[in-house]
Amino acid sequence: MTRADYSSLSPSDAQVALRSYPRRYAALLGEPGTEIAESAAQQLGSDGVSALELAVDSIRAWTLLGRALHQVELTESPVLHPAVADPGLRQWDQPIREDISSVNEQIADGAAELADAIASVHGDRWNRTGITAGGGSITAISIVQEAVRVGAENLGRIERTLASLR
């Protein structure tokens, strides 16, 4: 599978994408509270992860990336967690104990908070850079593009996971 290129995604396009995610995630995860949907959302797919785990991965990544965006906007060259720039370093230790309803709510809140944060960044502040611990750097716009990528890729993975269970 070819990875999509988000490097030309503008801040306004990122806002639109993020604001669309709550509806799109909810449509895939199914009707909250129904036994069939809840069971399917929690079952492990062929990748070894459940649809709910993938949705929660998006929420956790958006939280990490939102904090990084805030730091880059407010501070000159802040030091950021390396997982901001390297998705392979994003390891969430807490197990998922959520249902579809609570995940949908968290997706809506997380996407809205990040979209609102994007709206508050203007002009050349998009070129501000954070330094990742251990080396490397990432710009504010790259942080936002990564947030959109995470959301889109996890949507695709959720769709494939649920399809593999049918």
C-alpha atoms as a PDB file:
ATOM      1  CA  MET A   1       0.000   0.000   0.000  1.00  0.00           C
ATOM      2  CA  THR A   2       1.334   3.427  -0.966  1.00  0.00           C
ATOM      3  CA  ARG A   3       1.438   6.000   1.781  1.00  0.00           C
ATOM      4  CA  ALA A   4      -0.413   9.233   0.968  1.00  0.00           C
ATOM      5  CA  ASP A   5       1.590  12.463   0.795  1.00  0.00           C
ATOM      6  CA  TYR A   6       0.333  15.123   3.199  1.00  0.00           C
ATOM      7  CA  SER A   7       3.269  17.525   2.742  1.00  0.00           C
ATOM      8  CA  SER A   8       1.253  20.012   0.686  1.00  0.00           C
ATOM      9  CA  LEU A   9      -1.760  19.998   3.019  1.00  0.00           C
ATOM     10  CA  SER A  10      -2.613  23.544   4.108  1.00  0.00           C
ATOM     11  CA  PRO A  11      -3.738  24.498   7.620  1.00  0.00           C
ATOM     12  CA  SER A  12      -7.276  25.222   6.385  1.00  0.00           C
ATOM     13  CA  ASP A  13      -7.453  21.836   4.630  1.00  0.00           C
ATOM     14  CA  ALA A  14      -6.200  20.201   7.824  1.00  0.00           C
ATOM     15  CA  GLN A  15      -8.997  21.872   9.784  1.00  0.00           C
ATOM     16  CA  VAL A  16     -11.590  20.565   7.319  1.00  0.00           C
ATOM     17  CA  ALA A  17     -10.153  17.044   7.496  1.00  0.00           C
ATOM     18  CA  LEU A  18     -10.050  17.043  11.300  1.00  0.00           C
ATOM     19  CA  ARG A  19     -13.608  18.354  11.562  1.00  0.00           C
ATOM     20  CA  SER A  20     -14.776  15.530   9.255  1.00  0.00           C
ATOM     21  CA  TYR A  21     -13.192  12.783  11.349  1.00  0.00           C
ATOM     22  CA  PRO A  22     -15.849  12.494  14.090  1.00  0.00           C
ATOM     23  CA  ARG A  23     -18.548  11.718  11.512  1.00  0.00           C
ATOM     24  CA  ARG A  24     -16.292   9.362   9.569  1.00  0.00           C
ATOM     25  CA  TYR A  25     -15.069   7.426  12.626  1.00  0.00           C
ATOM     26  CA  ALA A  26     -18.620   7.141  13.990  1.00  0.00           C
ATOM     27  CA  ALA A  27     -19.862   5.788  10.657  1.00  0.00           C
ATOM     28  CA  LEU A  28     -17.211   3.057  10.679  1.00  0.00           C
ATOM     29  CA  LEU A  29     -17.426   2.072  14.338  1.00  0.00           C
ATOM     30  CA  GLY A  30     -21.169   1.478  14.177  1.00  0.00           C
ATOM     31  CA  GLU A  31     -24.139   2.190  16.394  1.00  0.00           C
ATOM     32  CA  PRO A  32     -23.063   2.750  20.020  1.00  0.00           C
ATOM     33  CA  GLY A  33     -24.585   0.375  22.515  1.00  0.00           C
ATOM     34  CA  THR A  34     -25.545  -2.373  20.069  1.00  0.00           C
ATOM     35  CA  GLU A  35     -24.030  -5.702  21.000  1.00  0.00           C
ATOM     36  CA  ILE A  36     -22.962  -6.544  17.443  1.00  0.00           C
ATOM     37  CA  ALA A  37     -21.189  -3.212  16.843  1.00  0.00           C
ATOM     38  CA  GLU A  38     -19.526  -3.171  20.281  1.00  0.00           C
ATOM     39  CA  SER A  39     -18.292  -6.738  19.838  1.00  0.00           C
ATOM     40  CA  ALA A  40     -16.921  -6.116  16.340  1.00  0.00           C
ATOM     41  CA  ALA A  41     -15.214  -2.882  17.418  1.00  0.00           C
ATOM     42  CA  GLN A  42     -13.368  -4.721  20.203  1.00  0.00           C
ATOM     43  CA  GLN A  43     -12.344  -7.811  18.207  1.00  0.00           C
ATOM     44  CA  LEU A  44      -8.780  -8.048  16.976  1.00  0.00           C
ATOM     45  CA  GLY A  45      -8.443  -7.914  13.223  1.00  0.00           C
ATOM     46  CA  SER A  46      -5.803  -9.501  11.033  1.00  0.00           C
ATOM     47  CA  ASP A  47      -3.303  -6.768  12.069  1.00  0.00           C
ATOM     48  CA  GLY A  48      -3.663  -7.805  15.716  1.00  0.00           C
ATOM     49  CA  VAL A  49      -5.473  -4.617  16.766  1.00  0.00           C
ATOM     50  CA  SER A  50      -9.125  -3.758  17.194  1.00  0.00           C
ATOM     51  CA  ALA A  51     -11.063  -0.921  15.584  1.00  0.00           C
ATOM     52  CA  LEU A  52     -11.397   0.738  18.989  1.00  0.00           C
ATOM     53  CA  GLU A  53      -7.637   0.499  19.589  1.00  0.00           C
ATOM     54  CA  LEU A  54      -7.024   2.238  16.273  1.00  0.00           C
ATOM     55  CA  ALA A  55      -9.535   4.978  17.095  1.00  0.00           C
ATOM     56  CA  VAL A  56      -7.958   5.506  20.509  1.00  0.00           C
ATOM     57  CA  ASP A  57      -4.527   5.592  18.844  1.00  0.00           C
ATOM     58  CA  SER A  58      -5.782   8.588  16.848  1.00  0.00           C
ATOM     59  CA  ILE A  59      -7.017  10.307  20.006  1.00  0.00           C
ATOM     60  CA  ARG A  60      -3.714   9.750  21.819  1.00  0.00           C
ATOM     61  CA  ALA A  61      -1.638  10.845  18.818  1.00  0.00           C
ATOM     62  CA  TRP A  62      -3.756  14.003  18.414  1.00  0.00           C
ATOM     63  CA  THR A  63      -3.199  14.809  22.084  1.00  0.00           C
ATOM     64  CA  LEU A  64       0.571  14.419  21.679  1.00  0.00           C
ATOM     65  CA  LEU A  65       0.620  16.421  18.443  1.00  0.00           C
ATOM     66  CA  GLY A  66      -1.705  19.111  19.799  1.00  0.00           C
ATOM     67  CA  ARG A  67       0.606  19.676  22.758  1.00  0.00           C
ATOM     68  CA  ALA A  68       3.582  19.856  20.403  1.00  0.00           C
ATOM     69  CA  LEU A  69       1.801  22.408  18.202  1.00  0.00           C
ATOM     70  CA  HIS A  70       1.049  24.507  21.266  1.00  0.00           C
ATOM     71  CA  GLN A  71       4.699  24.358  22.392  1.00  0.00           C
ATOM     72  CA  VAL A  72       6.012  25.295  18.949  1.00  0.00           C
ATOM     73  CA  GLU A  73       3.585  28.193  18.695  1.00  0.00           C
ATOM     74  CA  LEU A  74       4.473  29.636  22.109  1.00  0.00           C
ATOM     75  CA  THR A  75       8.175  28.859  22.503  1.00  0.00           C
ATOM     76  CA  GLU A  76      11.150  29.389  20.236  1.00  0.00           C
ATOM     77  CA  SER A  77      12.611  25.965  19.309  1.00  0.00           C
ATOM     78  CA  PRO A  78      11.050  23.893  22.120  1.00  0.00           C
ATOM     79  CA  VAL A  79      12.296  20.378  22.775  1.00  0.00           C
ATOM     80  CA  LEU A  80       9.563  17.902  21.821  1.00  0.00           C
ATOM     81  CA  HIS A  81       9.060  14.217  22.503  1.00  0.00           C
ATOM     82  CA  PRO A  82      10.634  12.189  19.661  1.00  0.00           C
ATOM     83  CA  ALA A  83       7.264  10.494  18.995  1.00  0.00           C
ATOM     84  CA  VAL A  84       5.985  13.803  17.618  1.00  0.00           C
ATOM     85  CA  ALA A  85       8.108  13.261  14.501  1.00  0.00           C
ATOM     86  CA  ASP A  86       8.414   9.460  14.567  1.00  0.00           C
ATOM     87  CA  PRO A  87       5.149   7.473  14.629  1.00  0.00           C
ATOM     88  CA  GLY A  88       7.116   4.295  15.359  1.00  0.00           C
ATOM     89  CA  LEU A  89       7.910   5.666  18.811  1.00  0.00           C
ATOM     90  CA  ARG A  90       4.248   6.083  19.760  1.00  0.00           C
ATOM     91  CA  GLN A  91       3.612   3.287  22.212  1.00  0.00           C
ATOM     92  CA  TRP A  92       0.526   3.467  24.401  1.00  0.00           C
ATOM     93  CA  ASP A  93       0.781   1.297  27.498  1.00  0.00           C
ATOM     94  CA  GLN A  94      -2.752   1.650  28.802  1.00  0.00           C
ATOM     95  CA  PRO A  95      -5.250  -0.963  27.624  1.00  0.00           C
ATOM     96  CA  ILE A  96      -8.447   0.160  25.932  1.00  0.00           C
ATOM     97  CA  ARG A  97     -11.453   0.016  28.231  1.00  0.00           C
ATOM     98  CA  GLU A  98     -13.755   2.144  26.137  1.00  0.00           C
ATOM     99  CA  ASP A  99     -17.000   1.623  24.317  1.00  0.00           C
ATOM    100  CA  ILE A 100     -18.022   3.090  20.967  1.00  0.00           C
ATOM    101  CA  SER A 101     -19.942   5.959  22.531  1.00  0.00           C
ATOM    102  CA  SER A 102     -17.044   7.177  24.673  1.00  0.00           C
ATOM    103  CA  VAL A 103     -14.554   6.778  21.814  1.00  0.00           C
ATOM    104  CA  ASN A 104     -16.822   8.742  19.460  1.00  0.00           C
ATOM    105  CA  GLU A 105     -17.076  11.487  22.068  1.00  0.00           C
ATOM    106  CA  GLN A 106     -13.297  11.589  22.543  1.00  0.00           C
ATOM    107  CA  ILE A 107     -12.736  11.631  18.761  1.00  0.00           C
ATOM    108  CA  ALA A 108     -15.130  14.576  18.451  1.00  0.00           C
ATOM    109  CA  ASP A 109     -13.468  16.469  21.301  1.00  0.00           C
ATOM    110  CA  GLY A 110      -9.914  15.719  20.177  1.00  0.00           C
ATOM    111  CA  ALA A 111     -10.529  16.619  16.540  1.00  0.00           C
ATOM    112  CA  ALA A 112     -12.333  19.845  17.485  1.00  0.00           C
ATOM    113  CA  GLU A 113      -9.593  20.900  19.919  1.00  0.00           C
ATOM    114  CA  LEU A 114      -6.893  20.334  17.333  1.00  0.00           C
ATOM    115  CA  ALA A 115      -8.870  22.105  14.587  1.00  0.00           C
ATOM    116  CA  ASP A 116      -9.403  25.061  16.938  1.00  0.00           C
ATOM    117  CA  ALA A 117      -5.680  25.110  17.766  1.00  0.00           C
ATOM    118  CA  ILE A 118      -4.889  25.214  14.053  1.00  0.00           C
ATOM    119  CA  ALA A 119      -7.213  28.195  13.646  1.00  0.00           C
ATOM    120  CA  SER A 120      -5.210  30.118  16.239  1.00  0.00           C
ATOM    121  CA  VAL A 121      -1.885  29.815  14.376  1.00  0.00           C
ATOM    122  CA  HIS A 122      -1.278  32.499  11.749  1.00  0.00           C
ATOM    123  CA  GLY A 123       1.217  33.519   9.104  1.00  0.00           C
ATOM    124  CA  ASP A 124       4.871  32.705   9.540  1.00  0.00           C
ATOM    125  CA  ARG A 125       4.202  30.892  12.816  1.00  0.00           C
ATOM    126  CA  TRP A 126       3.566  27.804  10.659  1.00  0.00           C
ATOM    127  CA  ASN A 127       7.289  27.729   9.906  1.00  0.00           C
ATOM    128  CA  ARG A 128       8.319  27.689  13.568  1.00  0.00           C
ATOM    129  CA  THR A 129      10.315  24.624  14.474  1.00  0.00           C
ATOM    130  CA  GLY A 130      10.483  22.314  17.446  1.00  0.00           C
ATOM    131  CA  ILE A 131      13.522  20.175  18.164  1.00  0.00           C
ATOM    132  CA  THR A 132      12.809  16.524  18.849  1.00  0.00           C
ATOM    133  CA  ALA A 133      14.660  15.002  21.782  1.00  0.00           C
ATOM    134  CA  GLY A 134      17.530  12.970  20.433  1.00  0.00           C
ATOM    135  CA  GLY A 135      17.892  15.079  17.286  1.00  0.00           C
ATOM    136  CA  GLY A 136      15.812  16.236  14.380  1.00  0.00           C
ATOM    137  CA  SER A 137      13.244  18.946  14.032  1.00  0.00           C
ATOM    138  CA  ILE A 138       9.650  19.430  12.949  1.00  0.00           C
ATOM    139  CA  THR A 139       7.701  22.517  11.883  1.00  0.00           C
ATOM    140  CA  ALA A 140       4.266  23.524  13.113  1.00  0.00           C
ATOM    141  CA  ILE A 141       2.729  22.754   9.714  1.00  0.00           C
ATOM    142  CA  SER A 142       4.381  19.315   9.687  1.00  0.00           C
ATOM    143  CA  ILE A 143       2.849  18.564  13.090  1.00  0.00           C
ATOM    144  CA  VAL A 144      -0.598  19.368  11.710  1.00  0.00           C
ATOM    145  CA  GLN A 145      -0.004  17.321   8.568  1.00  0.00           C
ATOM    146  CA  GLU A 146       1.002  14.387  10.775  1.00  0.00           C
ATOM    147  CA  ALA A 147      -2.246  14.702  12.752  1.00  0.00           C
ATOM    148  CA  VAL A 148      -4.279  14.486   9.546  1.00  0.00           C
ATOM    149  CA  ARG A 149      -2.202  11.537   8.334  1.00  0.00           C
ATOM    150  CA  VAL A 150      -2.754   9.624  11.570  1.00  0.00           C
ATOM    151  CA  GLY A 151      -6.498  10.200  11.376  1.00  0.00           C
ATOM    152  CA  ALA A 152      -6.750   9.158   7.734  1.00  0.00           C
ATOM    153  CA  GLU A 153      -4.540   6.093   8.037  1.00  0.00           C
ATOM    154  CA  ASN A 154      -6.355   4.852  11.132  1.00  0.00           C
ATOM    155  CA  LEU A 155      -9.693   5.293   9.348  1.00  0.00           C
ATOM    156  CA  GLY A 156      -8.404   3.035   6.581  1.00  0.00           C
ATOM    157  CA  ARG A 157      -7.058   0.511   9.068  1.00  0.00           C
ATOM    158  CA  ILE A 158     -10.378   0.484  10.961  1.00  0.00           C
ATOM    159  CA  GLU A 159     -12.227  -0.184   7.722  1.00  0.00           C
ATOM    160  CA  ARG A 160      -9.887  -3.073   6.848  1.00  0.00           C
ATOM    161  CA  THR A 161     -10.035  -4.468  10.399  1.00  0.00           C
ATOM    162  CA  LEU A 162     -13.828  -4.525  10.471  1.00  0.00           C
ATOM    163  CA  ALA A 163     -13.982  -5.977   6.935  1.00  0.00           C
ATOM    164  CA  SER A 164     -11.672  -8.816   7.998  1.00  0.00           C
ATOM    165  CA  LEU A 165     -14.129  -9.749  10.763  1.00  0.00           C
ATOM    166  CA  ARG A 166     -17.130 -10.148   8.474  1.00  0.00           C
END
